[in-house]
Structure formats: C-alpha cells, structure tokens
C-alpha cells in the first residue's frame, strides 16, 4: 500500500523554471526599452539588480507587509534607480510587460514533465503556490502542466500565504485529503518545508544546489529523486 495519496507541489522554482523564464523576459525587456542607451550598462547587470531587489520585496510581500500591486512597481522603480534612472512611467510599463510576458514562457525544471507523467496514474496531484492568481494559471497552461493537477490553490484563493497553516488546511479541505496521506514538494525551506511540517505533513525539499533542510522528510537534489520514494 502506498504511503501517500495526494502530492502537493510548489510551482515556481520546483516545476516551472522561474529563473530561466524570468531572466529571458528581463533580457527582452532590457532590449525592447533601449535601457543600454539610458545608462544601464548591460542586461546581466540589470537582471542581477532586479533579482536582488525583487527578492527583498518578495519577502515583505510573503510576510504580509507589501501589497502585490506595490511590489510590481517598486521592483522595477528601485532597479532603475540603482542605475540613476528615475522614470515612473518606464517602471510601471516594465512591471506591466513583465507580468504579461513572463508567464507565457514554458521552461520547466529538468525531468518535471516526465516525472508528472509517471506519477499521474498513481497519485492525485495538486499545486499550492504563493504566486499571483492571475499569472500562475497562465504559467501552467503555457508549459503544458494544467491537466496534471486536480487543484491549483494560490495564496490569494486561500486567503493565506505559505507557511501559514491556513493554506495547508484549505488544501486538505478542498481535496478531501488527510495530512498523513499528503506530501508537500517544494524548494522553499520556510514556505514549503517548514510550513508543511508545522501542518503535520511530510515534506520533500527540492534543493538542487544543496543546503536541504536536515529535518525534511526527504531531500531531493533532482526531481527524479522522487522516483525512488514514490514509484
């Protein structure tokens, strides 16, 4: 008898290759807006600055101290200011175009699609994500993932962000799953792993660069490591 009936995946950085998709979008925007002619040295410096600033703002968003609409503008406003470029209209346009374009990209983490194809006949599979409601479904459709999941639960739908136990409780209620029969699979130690552990779930920490949570039920360097656990 299998140990789990329900598998709950994080989306960004776990299945959908956020880094690859985001960086290519930022390169395209850098060139489309002619930022090299406006004092930004090159696309890679622009990306590095954006990722550093976005990371800090996203932490504030996840902790409930920043609204998503403010985050979308601030991350580009502050990135441009890093290069001495003060242009509110440009920051707003970059924020809008990034949200419009990035979710349409389809790069997945290595082995993701093949793994889901193999797991689908044995398990019920779902998504729990802190990503924005209006873009996560686009990402799933653009990358061909939608059909694999029964439930796609965003933090906006649940009214709580991981690691808040309420989002895990909402997931169980909507899927009629039990905590003991569920496994959370994700890359974020505080959101996915600590959150699921606090909710009484087993957890698989996807940490391709190392530093897996030593207290996680399972540590994964590659998504294919799940095969030995689940298949």
Foldseek 3Di string as FASTA:
>chain_A
DAQAAEEEEAPDPFWFPLVVLLLVLQQVLCVVVVVCVVQDVHSVLLVVQLVVLLVVVVVCVQVPNDDPVCSLQVSQQVSCVVRPDHDSVSSNVSSVSSLVRSLLDADTAPPNVVVLVVCQVRHAYEYEYQDDPVRPVSNCVNNVNVVSHPYYHYCVNQVHAFLPLSSVVVVCVVVVGDQSNYEYEYADCRGTFVSSVVNNHAYEHAHLPDPGDPPHPHYHNGPCVCVVVGD
